[in-house]
C-alpha atoms as a PDB file:
ATOM      1  CA  UNK A   1      21.738 -46.700 -16.830  1.00  0.00           C
ATOM      2  CA  UNK A   2      20.492 -45.545 -13.411  1.00  0.00           C
ATOM      3  CA  UNK A   3      22.596 -42.367 -13.673  1.00  0.00           C
ATOM      4  CA  UNK A   4      21.002 -41.549 -17.059  1.00  0.00           C
ATOM      5  CA  UNK A   5      17.480 -41.971 -15.614  1.00  0.00           C
ATOM      6  CA  UNK A   6      18.310 -39.770 -12.599  1.00  0.00           C
ATOM      7  CA  UNK A   7      19.900 -37.149 -14.870  1.00  0.00           C
ATOM      8  CA  UNK A   8      16.855 -37.147 -17.165  1.00  0.00           C
ATOM      9  CA  UNK A   9      14.514 -36.794 -14.182  1.00  0.00           C
ATOM     10  CA  UNK A  10      16.598 -33.917 -12.827  1.00  0.00           C
ATOM     11  CA  UNK A  11      16.515 -32.100 -16.178  1.00  0.00           C
ATOM     12  CA  UNK A  12      12.723 -32.559 -16.416  1.00  0.00           C
ATOM     13  CA  UNK A  13      12.233 -31.270 -12.860  1.00  0.00           C
ATOM     14  CA  UNK A  14      14.503 -28.262 -13.515  1.00  0.00           C
ATOM     15  CA  UNK A  15      12.557 -27.390 -16.657  1.00  0.00           C
ATOM     16  CA  UNK A  16       9.240 -27.657 -14.810  1.00  0.00           C
ATOM     17  CA  UNK A  17      10.473 -25.288 -12.091  1.00  0.00           C
ATOM     18  CA  UNK A  18      12.078 -22.812 -14.460  1.00  0.00           C
ATOM     19  CA  UNK A  19      10.396 -19.463 -15.118  1.00  0.00           C
ATOM     20  CA  UNK A  20       7.737 -19.726 -17.790  1.00  0.00           C
ATOM     21  CA  UNK A  21       6.752 -23.281 -16.826  1.00  0.00           C
ATOM     22  CA  UNK A  22       4.082 -24.655 -14.531  1.00  0.00           C
ATOM     23  CA  UNK A  23       0.863 -23.012 -13.273  1.00  0.00           C
ATOM     24  CA  UNK A  24       0.379 -19.437 -14.362  1.00  0.00           C
ATOM     25  CA  UNK A  25       2.972 -19.725 -17.132  1.00  0.00           C
ATOM     26  CA  UNK A  26       2.528 -17.255 -19.942  1.00  0.00           C
ATOM     27  CA  UNK A  27       0.899 -14.601 -17.753  1.00  0.00           C
ATOM     28  CA  UNK A  28       2.962 -11.445 -18.025  1.00  0.00           C
ATOM     29  CA  UNK A  29       3.232  -9.467 -14.813  1.00  0.00           C
ATOM     30  CA  UNK A  30       1.551  -6.086 -15.076  1.00  0.00           C
ATOM     31  CA  UNK A  31       3.898  -3.087 -15.225  1.00  0.00           C
ATOM     32  CA  UNK A  32       4.138  -0.529 -12.432  1.00  0.00           C
ATOM     33  CA  UNK A  33       2.250   2.732 -12.954  1.00  0.00           C
ATOM     34  CA  UNK A  34       3.466   5.878 -11.199  1.00  0.00           C
ATOM     35  CA  UNK A  35       0.685   7.678  -9.338  1.00  0.00           C
ATOM     36  CA  UNK A  36       2.991  10.274  -7.785  1.00  0.00           C
ATOM     37  CA  UNK A  37       6.581  11.001  -8.815  1.00  0.00           C
ATOM     38  CA  UNK A  38       7.242  14.122  -6.745  1.00  0.00           C
ATOM     39  CA  UNK A  39       6.327  16.569  -9.498  1.00  0.00           C
ATOM     40  CA  UNK A  40       2.619  16.302 -10.344  1.00  0.00           C
ATOM     41  CA  UNK A  41      -0.720  15.575  -8.684  1.00  0.00           C
ATOM     42  CA  UNK A  42      -2.479  14.956 -12.006  1.00  0.00           C
ATOM     43  CA  UNK A  43      -3.638  11.481 -10.904  1.00  0.00           C
ATOM     44  CA  UNK A  44      -5.247  12.846  -7.725  1.00  0.00           C
ATOM     45  CA  UNK A  45      -8.150  14.947  -6.487  1.00  0.00           C
ATOM     46  CA  UNK A  46      -8.384  16.523  -3.037  1.00  0.00           C
ATOM     47  CA  UNK A  47     -10.989  16.376  -0.291  1.00  0.00           C
ATOM     48  CA  UNK A  48     -11.006  18.406   2.922  1.00  0.00           C
ATOM     49  CA  UNK A  49      -8.787  21.398   3.691  1.00  0.00           C
ATOM     50  CA  UNK A  50      -5.318  19.923   4.226  1.00  0.00           C
ATOM     51  CA  UNK A  51      -2.672  22.355   2.940  1.00  0.00           C
ATOM     52  CA  UNK A  52      -1.026  19.967   0.435  1.00  0.00           C
ATOM     53  CA  UNK A  53       2.052  21.534  -1.156  1.00  0.00           C
ATOM     54  CA  UNK A  54       4.409  20.290  -3.874  1.00  0.00           C
ATOM     55  CA  UNK A  55       8.061  21.097  -3.224  1.00  0.00           C
ATOM     56  CA  UNK A  56      11.470  19.439  -3.559  1.00  0.00           C
ATOM     57  CA  UNK A  57      10.044  16.196  -4.953  1.00  0.00           C
ATOM     58  CA  UNK A  58       7.482  15.630  -2.211  1.00  0.00           C
ATOM     59  CA  UNK A  59       3.874  16.483  -1.482  1.00  0.00           C
ATOM     60  CA  UNK A  60       3.413  17.504   2.140  1.00  0.00           C
ATOM     61  CA  UNK A  61       0.868  18.877   4.577  1.00  0.00           C
ATOM     62  CA  UNK A  62       1.040  20.211   8.124  1.00  0.00           C
ATOM     63  CA  UNK A  63      -2.341  21.902   8.611  1.00  0.00           C
ATOM     64  CA  UNK A  64      -5.999  21.132   8.117  1.00  0.00           C
ATOM     65  CA  UNK A  65      -7.393  17.672   7.432  1.00  0.00           C
ATOM     66  CA  UNK A  66      -8.068  15.872   4.197  1.00  0.00           C
ATOM     67  CA  UNK A  67      -7.041  13.450   1.487  1.00  0.00           C
ATOM     68  CA  UNK A  68      -5.397  13.078  -1.859  1.00  0.00           C
ATOM     69  CA  UNK A  69      -7.627  10.599  -3.714  1.00  0.00           C
ATOM     70  CA  UNK A  70      -6.875   8.797  -6.979  1.00  0.00           C
ATOM     71  CA  UNK A  71      -9.099   9.588  -9.939  1.00  0.00           C
ATOM     72  CA  UNK A  72      -9.168   5.871 -10.791  1.00  0.00           C
ATOM     73  CA  UNK A  73     -10.583   2.908  -8.886  1.00  0.00           C
ATOM     74  CA  UNK A  74      -8.655  -0.297  -8.277  1.00  0.00           C
ATOM     75  CA  UNK A  75      -9.588  -3.838  -7.279  1.00  0.00           C
ATOM     76  CA  UNK A  76      -6.580  -6.160  -7.070  1.00  0.00           C
ATOM     77  CA  UNK A  77      -3.158  -4.521  -6.962  1.00  0.00           C
ATOM     78  CA  UNK A  78       0.233  -4.059  -5.392  1.00  0.00           C
ATOM     79  CA  UNK A  79       0.945  -0.577  -4.055  1.00  0.00           C
ATOM     80  CA  UNK A  80       4.192   1.015  -2.915  1.00  0.00           C
ATOM     81  CA  UNK A  81       4.124   4.275  -0.947  1.00  0.00           C
ATOM     82  CA  UNK A  82       7.146   6.168   0.399  1.00  0.00           C
ATOM     83  CA  UNK A  83       6.326   8.512   3.271  1.00  0.00           C
ATOM     84  CA  UNK A  84       7.892  10.618   6.020  1.00  0.00           C
ATOM     85  CA  UNK A  85       5.985  11.623   9.162  1.00  0.00           C
ATOM     86  CA  UNK A  86       6.697  13.396  12.413  1.00  0.00           C
ATOM     87  CA  UNK A  87       6.282  11.202  15.519  1.00  0.00           C
ATOM     88  CA  UNK A  88       2.929  12.877  16.322  1.00  0.00           C
ATOM     89  CA  UNK A  89       1.540  12.520  12.783  1.00  0.00           C
ATOM     90  CA  UNK A  90      -1.848  11.037  11.988  1.00  0.00           C
ATOM     91  CA  UNK A  91      -1.974   9.751   8.425  1.00  0.00           C
ATOM     92  CA  UNK A  92      -2.781   6.656   6.448  1.00  0.00           C
ATOM     93  CA  UNK A  93      -3.124   4.937   3.098  1.00  0.00           C
ATOM     94  CA  UNK A  94      -6.753   4.214   2.264  1.00  0.00           C
ATOM     95  CA  UNK A  95      -7.668   1.380  -0.126  1.00  0.00           C
ATOM     96  CA  UNK A  96     -10.744   0.407  -2.142  1.00  0.00           C
ATOM     97  CA  UNK A  97     -12.607   3.532  -1.034  1.00  0.00           C
ATOM     98  CA  UNK A  98     -16.278   3.001  -1.860  1.00  0.00           C
ATOM     99  CA  UNK A  99     -17.026   6.742  -1.659  1.00  0.00           C
ATOM    100  CA  UNK A 100     -13.986   8.694  -2.952  1.00  0.00           C
ATOM    101  CA  UNK A 101     -15.608  12.005  -1.987  1.00  0.00           C
ATOM    102  CA  UNK A 102     -15.679  10.962   1.695  1.00  0.00           C
ATOM    103  CA  UNK A 103     -12.866   8.524   2.486  1.00  0.00           C
ATOM    104  CA  UNK A 104     -12.868   6.986   5.955  1.00  0.00           C
ATOM    105  CA  UNK A 105     -12.165   3.797   7.863  1.00  0.00           C
ATOM    106  CA  UNK A 106     -15.787   2.677   7.394  1.00  0.00           C
ATOM    107  CA  UNK A 107     -15.798   3.054   3.602  1.00  0.00           C
ATOM    108  CA  UNK A 108     -12.144   2.140   2.875  1.00  0.00           C
ATOM    109  CA  UNK A 109      -9.440  -0.138   4.189  1.00  0.00           C
ATOM    110  CA  UNK A 110      -7.228   2.203   6.245  1.00  0.00           C
ATOM    111  CA  UNK A 111      -3.591   1.173   6.467  1.00  0.00           C
ATOM    112  CA  UNK A 112      -2.683   3.369   9.405  1.00  0.00           C
ATOM    113  CA  UNK A 113       0.275   5.706   9.936  1.00  0.00           C
ATOM    114  CA  UNK A 114      -0.200   6.802  13.540  1.00  0.00           C
ATOM    115  CA  UNK A 115       2.624   5.965  15.972  1.00  0.00           C
ATOM    116  CA  UNK A 116       1.047   7.778  18.925  1.00  0.00           C
ATOM    117  CA  UNK A 117      -2.542   6.584  18.499  1.00  0.00           C
ATOM    118  CA  UNK A 118      -4.271   6.736  21.898  1.00  0.00           C
ATOM    119  CA  UNK A 119      -5.563   3.184  21.500  1.00  0.00           C
ATOM    120  CA  UNK A 120      -2.538   1.421  19.963  1.00  0.00           C
ATOM    121  CA  UNK A 121      -4.572  -1.549  18.730  1.00  0.00           C
ATOM    122  CA  UNK A 122      -4.697  -0.118  15.215  1.00  0.00           C
ATOM    123  CA  UNK A 123      -1.499   1.951  15.253  1.00  0.00           C
ATOM    124  CA  UNK A 124       1.036   2.259  12.412  1.00  0.00           C
ATOM    125  CA  UNK A 125       1.053  -0.929  10.335  1.00  0.00           C
ATOM    126  CA  UNK A 126      -2.541  -1.921  11.125  1.00  0.00           C
ATOM    127  CA  UNK A 127      -5.615  -2.047   8.933  1.00  0.00           C
ATOM    128  CA  UNK A 128      -8.043  -0.115  11.120  1.00  0.00           C
ATOM    129  CA  UNK A 129     -10.971  -2.226  12.286  1.00  0.00           C
ATOM    130  CA  UNK A 130      -9.654  -5.291  10.442  1.00  0.00           C
ATOM    131  CA  UNK A 131      -6.232  -6.342  11.736  1.00  0.00           C
ATOM    132  CA  UNK A 132      -3.782  -5.052  14.308  1.00  0.00           C
ATOM    133  CA  UNK A 133      -0.081  -5.055  13.420  1.00  0.00           C
ATOM    134  CA  UNK A 134       1.798  -8.186  14.427  1.00  0.00           C
ATOM    135  CA  UNK A 135       4.983  -6.156  14.939  1.00  0.00           C
ATOM    136  CA  UNK A 136       5.432  -2.664  16.389  1.00  0.00           C
ATOM    137  CA  UNK A 137       7.258  -0.302  14.022  1.00  0.00           C
ATOM    138  CA  UNK A 138       7.515   3.443  14.616  1.00  0.00           C
ATOM    139  CA  UNK A 139       7.559   5.494  11.431  1.00  0.00           C
ATOM    140  CA  UNK A 140       8.321   8.919  12.927  1.00  0.00           C
ATOM    141  CA  UNK A 141      11.243  11.065  11.793  1.00  0.00           C
ATOM    142  CA  UNK A 142      12.370   8.885   8.875  1.00  0.00           C
ATOM    143  CA  UNK A 143      11.459   7.829   5.369  1.00  0.00           C
ATOM    144  CA  UNK A 144       9.423   4.619   5.237  1.00  0.00           C
ATOM    145  CA  UNK A 145       8.016   2.337   2.558  1.00  0.00           C
ATOM    146  CA  UNK A 146       4.668   0.590   2.621  1.00  0.00           C
ATOM    147  CA  UNK A 147       4.272  -2.324   0.226  1.00  0.00           C
ATOM    148  CA  UNK A 148       0.615  -3.322   0.167  1.00  0.00           C
ATOM    149  CA  UNK A 149      -0.771  -6.321  -1.709  1.00  0.00           C
ATOM    150  CA  UNK A 150      -4.535  -6.603  -2.226  1.00  0.00           C
ATOM    151  CA  UNK A 151      -5.834  -9.664  -4.092  1.00  0.00           C
ATOM    152  CA  UNK A 152      -9.523 -10.538  -3.725  1.00  0.00           C
ATOM    153  CA  UNK A 153      -9.996 -11.143   0.055  1.00  0.00           C
ATOM    154  CA  UNK A 154      -6.271 -11.324   0.829  1.00  0.00           C
ATOM    155  CA  UNK A 155      -4.571  -8.179   2.172  1.00  0.00           C
ATOM    156  CA  UNK A 156      -0.873  -8.047   3.081  1.00  0.00           C
ATOM    157  CA  UNK A 157       0.855  -4.972   4.511  1.00  0.00           C
ATOM    158  CA  UNK A 158       4.639  -4.729   4.677  1.00  0.00           C
ATOM    159  CA  UNK A 159       6.358  -1.767   6.329  1.00  0.00           C
ATOM    160  CA  UNK A 160      10.081  -1.308   5.696  1.00  0.00           C
ATOM    161  CA  UNK A 161      10.402  -4.959   4.721  1.00  0.00           C
ATOM    162  CA  UNK A 162       8.497  -6.399   7.709  1.00  0.00           C
ATOM    163  CA  UNK A 163       5.013  -7.863   7.297  1.00  0.00           C
ATOM    164  CA  UNK A 164       2.677  -6.181   9.764  1.00  0.00           C
ATOM    165  CA  UNK A 165      -0.650  -7.597   8.510  1.00  0.00           C
ATOM    166  CA  UNK A 166      -1.601 -10.716   6.555  1.00  0.00           C
ATOM    167  CA  UNK A 167      -5.368 -11.113   6.667  1.00  0.00           C
ATOM    168  CA  UNK A 168      -8.481 -12.021   4.705  1.00  0.00           C
ATOM    169  CA  UNK A 169     -11.492  -9.715   4.580  1.00  0.00           C
ATOM    170  CA  UNK A 170     -14.270  -9.205   2.030  1.00  0.00           C
ATOM    171  CA  UNK A 171     -15.762  -5.899   3.150  1.00  0.00           C
ATOM    172  CA  UNK A 172     -14.634  -3.984   0.053  1.00  0.00           C
ATOM    173  CA  UNK A 173     -13.886  -5.188  -3.481  1.00  0.00           C
ATOM    174  CA  UNK A 174     -12.853  -2.091  -5.412  1.00  0.00           C
ATOM    175  CA  UNK A 175     -12.435   1.652  -5.092  1.00  0.00           C
ATOM    176  CA  UNK A 176     -10.103   4.624  -5.075  1.00  0.00           C
ATOM    177  CA  UNK A 177      -6.872   5.002  -3.106  1.00  0.00           C
ATOM    178  CA  UNK A 178      -6.439   7.856  -0.640  1.00  0.00           C
ATOM    179  CA  UNK A 179      -3.495   9.450   1.173  1.00  0.00           C
ATOM    180  CA  UNK A 180      -4.530  11.097   4.429  1.00  0.00           C
ATOM    181  CA  UNK A 181      -3.421  14.132   6.355  1.00  0.00           C
ATOM    182  CA  UNK A 182      -4.923  14.477   9.854  1.00  0.00           C
ATOM    183  CA  UNK A 183      -2.124  15.820  12.061  1.00  0.00           C
ATOM    184  CA  UNK A 184       1.576  16.486  12.548  1.00  0.00           C
ATOM    185  CA  UNK A 185       3.816  16.660   9.496  1.00  0.00           C
ATOM    186  CA  UNK A 186       3.234  14.281   6.598  1.00  0.00           C
ATOM    187  CA  UNK A 187       5.179  13.885   3.346  1.00  0.00           C
ATOM    188  CA  UNK A 188       4.838  11.506   0.408  1.00  0.00           C
ATOM    189  CA  UNK A 189       7.502  11.291  -2.308  1.00  0.00           C
ATOM    190  CA  UNK A 190       6.699   8.213  -4.394  1.00  0.00           C
ATOM    191  CA  UNK A 191       3.504   6.268  -5.020  1.00  0.00           C
ATOM    192  CA  UNK A 192       3.244   3.533  -7.620  1.00  0.00           C
ATOM    193  CA  UNK A 193       0.772   0.759  -8.350  1.00  0.00           C
ATOM    194  CA  UNK A 194       0.715  -2.516 -10.230  1.00  0.00           C
ATOM    195  CA  UNK A 195      -2.918  -3.288 -10.978  1.00  0.00           C
ATOM    196  CA  UNK A 196      -3.866  -6.916 -11.620  1.00  0.00           C
END
């Protein structure tokens, strides 16, 4: 009899833990939307004078200074960005930009790409002015992937599978996304978002 009770309890517990059961059950996960696939910048506008060029499945720049900025605004989302930079590059992924015409660290969350930043406090992997990276990762001379999760106050940055920032901040609630060029060589080849 005891075995039957234990077996029944185990089955009930397994069912409760199975996908589709428990808190949040029935909520379908939003699909990924491609913002850049290597062939078109239709989802983006430009600011500044960076010499963005489309070629061989990437968008790149190596002169000037400026941004690619999404035409849409986003609040809560997951974002994946694949990028290649030279060791001396200054770039970044800007989130919830309050003024898409003038992105900056004061009006956006700036997830930095800047290995050789003079003050390394907010180097590659940091959110400038909000959280320094808890692990040092150099991005120069290779392809990298940022996975960025932004849900209400909670911001998590993962670079090449390692979490560099996990922080809460309520400075900005919604806005455009920007990709920055400010120095060196910068390339992006895939950008996709899953808005919540």
